[in-house]
Amino acid sequence: MSHTFQRYVDGLMECREEGQLRQSMADTAAALDLFCFAYLALPRPHAAAPVLISNYPTAWTSHYMAMEYQRSDPVIIQALREPSPFEWGIGVGPTRKSPLARQLFEEAAGFGIRCGFTIPVHDSAGAIAAVTFAADTPRPSFKRAIDKHADVLQLMAMCFHAHASRQLTSKRNVEGVLLSPRELECLKWAAEGKSAWETGRIMEISRHTVAFHLENAKAKLGVRSTVQAVARVARANPQV
């Protein structure tokens, strides 16, 4: 176990982009018999966009973010209230759930996410992130993996948050303006000459959603055109 965790920490040190962070966590989780994870960084102020890195099905994460489910997700609500890790899922926890909570759990189950183990990451001001390891069914092997590696998973969550917040936030900070991961990614593809339709195909979202993110980015940066927004990003972060 010590070797697995050390390889994980060493791998995080070398990560320079979101995809590398995702792969590092996915590989280590798989080594512990956990194959599905999600990291959600909760913004301050809460009006800002959250950061989601996961290997959940893209269709589910896109829907989750578009619907802003983090505002009503009972898992995230509990992570905001309590610093201790907890298990959740259909048939786990309170038997009486709100209609919205039941709907969200049922929708997630449709994408193979039926139960999980969530680790809140708190600082002196409260919750700042949550790392979840999930499964398509509460099988005994999932429960054993959680019970056996709970302490290590907590350390993994804290390390992941530390590296993700440092690497991604610095790149998204454009001359004092914090762009969302989707806004930055849309601008990156625009810089490569991709149309909204082409970017949508690459990111597996609609061209209207791409246009929405680009408009948000332009408004935040105080520019009128996508070309101007791309130029500001390139000036602030030449490596992006």
Protein backbone atom coordinates (compact mmCIF):
# COMPACT_ATOMS: atom_id res chain seq x y z
CA MET A 1 0.00 0.00 0.00
CA SER A 2 2.79 2.44 0.84
CA HIS A 3 4.28 1.94 -2.62
CA THR A 4 0.92 2.56 -4.28
CA PHE A 5 0.40 5.77 -2.36
CA GLN A 6 3.96 6.98 -3.02
CA ARG A 7 3.53 6.37 -6.76
CA TYR A 8 0.29 8.31 -6.60
CA VAL A 9 1.91 11.31 -4.89
CA ASP A 10 4.88 11.22 -7.29
CA GLY A 11 2.48 11.09 -10.22
CA LEU A 12 0.51 14.07 -8.98
CA MET A 13 3.72 16.10 -8.73
CA GLU A 14 4.21 15.60 -12.47
CA CYS A 15 0.65 16.48 -13.49
CA ARG A 16 0.31 19.71 -15.47
CA GLU A 17 -3.25 19.48 -16.78
CA GLU A 18 -6.69 18.18 -15.89
CA GLY A 19 -6.43 15.01 -17.98
CA GLN A 20 -3.25 13.97 -16.20
CA LEU A 21 -4.82 14.59 -12.80
CA ARG A 22 -7.84 12.51 -13.80
CA GLN A 23 -5.69 9.63 -15.03
CA SER A 24 -3.49 9.65 -11.93
CA MET A 25 -6.47 9.32 -9.61
CA ALA A 26 -8.21 6.79 -11.86
CA ASP A 27 -5.15 4.54 -12.04
CA THR A 28 -4.58 4.58 -8.27
CA ALA A 29 -8.26 4.05 -7.50
CA ALA A 30 -8.32 1.07 -9.88
CA ALA A 31 -5.32 -0.40 -8.06
CA LEU A 32 -7.47 -0.31 -4.92
CA ASP A 33 -10.44 -1.97 -6.72
CA LEU A 34 -12.29 1.36 -7.03
CA PHE A 35 -13.03 2.25 -10.62
CA CYS A 36 -15.19 5.36 -10.52
CA PHE A 37 -14.32 8.69 -8.89
CA ALA A 38 -15.29 12.36 -8.90
CA TYR A 39 -13.61 15.46 -7.50
CA LEU A 40 -15.83 18.51 -7.08
CA ALA A 41 -14.25 21.77 -5.91
CA LEU A 42 -16.82 24.08 -4.35
CA PRO A 43 -16.27 27.72 -5.31
CA ARG A 44 -16.03 30.77 -3.13
CA PRO A 45 -18.11 32.79 -3.61
CA HIS A 46 -20.75 30.11 -4.23
CA ALA A 47 -22.00 32.05 -7.27
CA ALA A 48 -18.88 30.97 -9.15
CA ALA A 49 -18.69 27.76 -11.17
CA PRO A 50 -17.49 24.56 -9.45
CA VAL A 51 -14.62 22.46 -10.80
CA LEU A 52 -15.42 18.84 -11.62
CA ILE A 53 -12.77 16.24 -12.49
CA SER A 54 -13.96 12.65 -12.77
CA ASN A 55 -14.11 9.49 -14.82
CA TYR A 56 -17.89 9.27 -14.50
CA PRO A 57 -19.77 8.99 -17.83
CA THR A 58 -19.43 12.31 -19.65
CA ALA A 59 -23.15 12.40 -20.40
CA TRP A 60 -23.88 12.38 -16.66
CA THR A 61 -21.28 14.96 -15.64
CA SER A 62 -22.38 17.32 -18.45
CA HIS A 63 -26.01 16.97 -17.33
CA TYR A 64 -25.05 17.39 -13.66
CA MET A 65 -23.17 20.62 -14.33
CA ALA A 66 -25.76 22.01 -16.73
CA MET A 67 -28.51 21.45 -14.16
CA GLU A 68 -26.30 22.85 -11.37
CA TYR A 69 -27.08 19.77 -9.30
CA GLN A 70 -24.29 20.62 -6.86
CA ARG A 71 -26.75 23.09 -5.31
CA SER A 72 -29.27 20.36 -4.43
CA ASP A 73 -27.21 17.15 -4.42
CA PRO A 74 -27.75 15.57 -0.97
CA VAL A 75 -24.21 14.16 -1.09
CA ILE A 76 -22.71 17.62 -1.55
CA ILE A 77 -25.08 19.11 1.03
CA GLN A 78 -23.87 16.55 3.58
CA ALA A 79 -20.24 17.21 2.59
CA LEU A 80 -20.82 20.90 3.27
CA ARG A 81 -22.18 20.16 6.74
CA GLU A 82 -19.91 17.38 7.92
CA PRO A 83 -16.12 16.99 7.66
CA SER A 84 -16.15 13.20 8.15
CA PRO A 85 -16.25 10.75 5.21
CA PHE A 86 -19.57 8.98 4.65
CA GLU A 87 -21.26 6.35 2.50
CA TRP A 88 -24.38 7.11 0.44
CA GLY A 89 -26.70 5.64 -2.14
CA ILE A 90 -30.13 4.23 -2.76
CA GLY A 91 -31.03 2.38 0.44
CA VAL A 92 -28.20 4.03 2.40
CA GLY A 93 -28.75 6.81 4.92
CA PRO A 94 -32.14 8.37 5.72
CA THR A 95 -35.01 6.31 4.36
CA ARG A 96 -37.04 9.45 3.68
CA LYS A 97 -35.43 11.57 0.98
CA SER A 98 -36.79 14.69 -0.65
CA PRO A 99 -38.35 14.27 -4.12
CA LEU A 100 -35.41 16.17 -5.63
CA ALA A 101 -32.89 13.92 -3.86
CA ARG A 102 -34.71 10.80 -5.03
CA GLN A 103 -34.77 12.14 -8.58
CA LEU A 104 -31.06 12.88 -8.54
CA PHE A 105 -30.16 9.45 -7.15
CA GLU A 106 -32.39 7.77 -9.73
CA GLU A 107 -30.86 9.76 -12.58
CA ALA A 108 -27.34 8.94 -11.40
CA ALA A 109 -28.27 5.26 -11.14
CA GLY A 110 -29.25 5.39 -14.81
CA PHE A 111 -25.60 6.13 -15.56
CA GLY A 112 -24.31 3.34 -13.30
CA ILE A 113 -23.68 5.46 -10.19
CA ARG A 114 -25.74 3.89 -7.40
CA CYS A 115 -23.61 4.14 -4.26
CA GLY A 116 -20.46 5.81 -3.07
CA PHE A 117 -18.02 6.91 -0.42
CA THR A 118 -17.48 10.68 -0.18
CA ILE A 119 -14.61 12.47 1.52
CA PRO A 120 -15.26 16.15 2.29
CA VAL A 121 -12.24 18.46 2.18
CA HIS A 122 -12.61 21.33 4.65
CA ASP A 123 -10.47 24.25 5.70
CA SER A 124 -10.96 26.81 8.48
CA ALA A 125 -13.83 28.43 6.55
CA GLY A 126 -15.70 25.19 5.80
CA ALA A 127 -16.07 22.83 2.86
CA ILE A 128 -13.94 23.49 -0.19
CA ALA A 129 -14.14 20.19 -2.08
CA ALA A 130 -15.43 16.63 -2.06
CA VAL A 131 -13.88 13.47 -3.48
CA THR A 132 -16.19 10.55 -4.17
CA PHE A 133 -15.50 6.93 -5.07
CA ALA A 134 -18.61 5.34 -6.57
CA ALA A 135 -19.90 2.03 -7.87
CA ASP A 136 -22.77 0.74 -9.99
CA THR A 137 -24.01 -1.49 -7.18
CA PRO A 138 -23.23 -1.91 -3.45
CA ARG A 139 -21.35 -5.16 -4.05
CA PRO A 140 -19.26 -6.66 -1.19
CA SER A 141 -15.97 -5.94 -3.01
CA PHE A 142 -16.73 -2.21 -3.07
CA LYS A 143 -17.55 -2.19 0.64
CA ARG A 144 -14.37 -4.14 1.44
CA ALA A 145 -12.22 -1.75 -0.56
CA ILE A 146 -13.72 1.26 1.22
CA ASP A 147 -13.32 -0.30 4.67
CA LYS A 148 -9.78 -1.46 3.99
CA HIS A 149 -8.46 1.74 2.43
CA ALA A 150 -10.54 4.48 4.11
CA ASP A 151 -7.54 6.20 5.71
CA VAL A 152 -5.49 6.12 2.50
CA LEU A 153 -8.45 7.41 0.48
CA GLN A 154 -8.68 10.42 2.79
CA LEU A 155 -5.00 11.20 2.21
CA MET A 156 -5.48 10.74 -1.53
CA ALA A 157 -8.40 13.17 -1.48
CA MET A 158 -6.44 15.85 0.34
CA CYS A 159 -3.40 15.45 -1.94
CA PHE A 160 -5.57 15.55 -5.05
CA HIS A 161 -7.29 18.75 -3.92
CA ALA A 162 -3.96 20.41 -3.12
CA HIS A 163 -2.52 19.66 -6.55
CA ALA A 164 -5.72 20.32 -8.49
CA SER A 165 -6.36 23.68 -6.87
CA ARG A 166 -2.78 24.80 -7.45
CA GLN A 167 -2.46 23.58 -11.03
CA LEU A 168 -5.91 24.40 -12.39
CA THR A 169 -6.68 27.62 -10.55
CA SER A 170 -3.42 29.22 -11.65
CA LYS A 171 -4.20 28.45 -15.30
CA ARG A 172 -7.78 29.68 -15.03
CA ASN A 173 -6.71 32.96 -13.48
CA VAL A 174 -6.50 35.40 -16.37
CA GLU A 175 -5.23 38.77 -15.18
CA GLY A 176 -7.24 38.50 -11.98
CA VAL A 177 -10.33 36.97 -13.62
CA LEU A 178 -11.14 33.34 -12.75
CA LEU A 179 -12.61 31.44 -15.70
CA SER A 180 -14.46 28.14 -15.27
CA PRO A 181 -12.81 24.96 -16.64
CA ARG A 182 -15.40 24.80 -19.44
CA GLU A 183 -14.90 28.45 -20.37
CA LEU A 184 -11.14 27.95 -20.58
CA GLU A 185 -11.49 24.75 -22.60
CA CYS A 186 -13.86 26.39 -25.09
CA LEU A 187 -11.40 29.25 -25.54
CA LYS A 188 -8.57 26.77 -26.03
CA TRP A 189 -10.39 25.10 -28.91
CA ALA A 190 -11.37 28.48 -30.34
CA ALA A 191 -7.69 29.40 -30.34
CA GLU A 192 -7.07 26.33 -32.49
CA GLY A 193 -9.64 27.52 -35.02
CA LYS A 194 -12.48 25.21 -33.99
CA SER A 195 -16.04 26.37 -34.54
CA ALA A 196 -18.65 26.12 -31.80
CA TRP A 197 -20.04 23.03 -33.53
CA GLU A 198 -16.59 21.39 -33.76
CA THR A 199 -15.80 22.25 -30.14
CA GLY A 200 -19.15 20.81 -29.08
CA ARG A 201 -18.36 17.53 -30.81
CA ILE A 202 -14.95 17.36 -29.12
CA MET A 203 -16.31 18.22 -25.66
CA GLU A 204 -19.53 16.18 -26.15
CA ILE A 205 -21.79 19.18 -25.51
CA SER A 206 -24.07 21.20 -27.80
CA ARG A 207 -22.81 24.15 -29.86
CA HIS A 208 -25.29 26.31 -27.94
CA THR A 209 -23.57 25.31 -24.69
CA VAL A 210 -20.18 26.14 -26.23
CA ALA A 211 -21.53 29.56 -27.26
CA PHE A 212 -22.86 30.05 -23.73
CA HIS A 213 -19.43 29.38 -22.19
CA LEU A 214 -17.71 31.67 -24.69
CA GLU A 215 -20.15 34.49 -23.97
CA ASN A 216 -19.57 34.06 -20.24
CA ALA A 217 -15.81 34.15 -20.75
CA LYS A 218 -16.01 37.33 -22.84
CA ALA A 219 -18.23 39.01 -20.25
CA LYS A 220 -15.85 38.09 -17.42
CA LEU A 221 -12.84 39.34 -19.35
CA GLY A 222 -14.59 42.52 -20.48
CA VAL A 223 -14.02 41.95 -24.22
CA ARG A 224 -16.38 41.86 -27.19
CA SER A 225 -14.93 39.10 -29.34
CA THR A 226 -13.69 35.57 -28.87
CA VAL A 227 -10.42 36.58 -30.56
CA GLN A 228 -9.85 39.21 -27.86
CA ALA A 229 -10.65 36.68 -25.13
CA VAL A 230 -8.22 34.14 -26.62
CA ALA A 231 -5.52 36.83 -26.79
CA ARG A 232 -5.95 37.69 -23.12
CA VAL A 233 -5.73 34.02 -22.10
CA ALA A 234 -2.64 33.50 -24.24
CA ARG A 235 -0.98 36.59 -22.76
CA ALA A 236 -1.70 35.46 -19.17
CA ASN A 237 -0.96 31.75 -19.66
CA PRO A 238 1.17 31.10 -22.76
CA GLN A 239 1.31 27.37 -21.96
CA VAL A 240 -2.50 26.90 -22.03
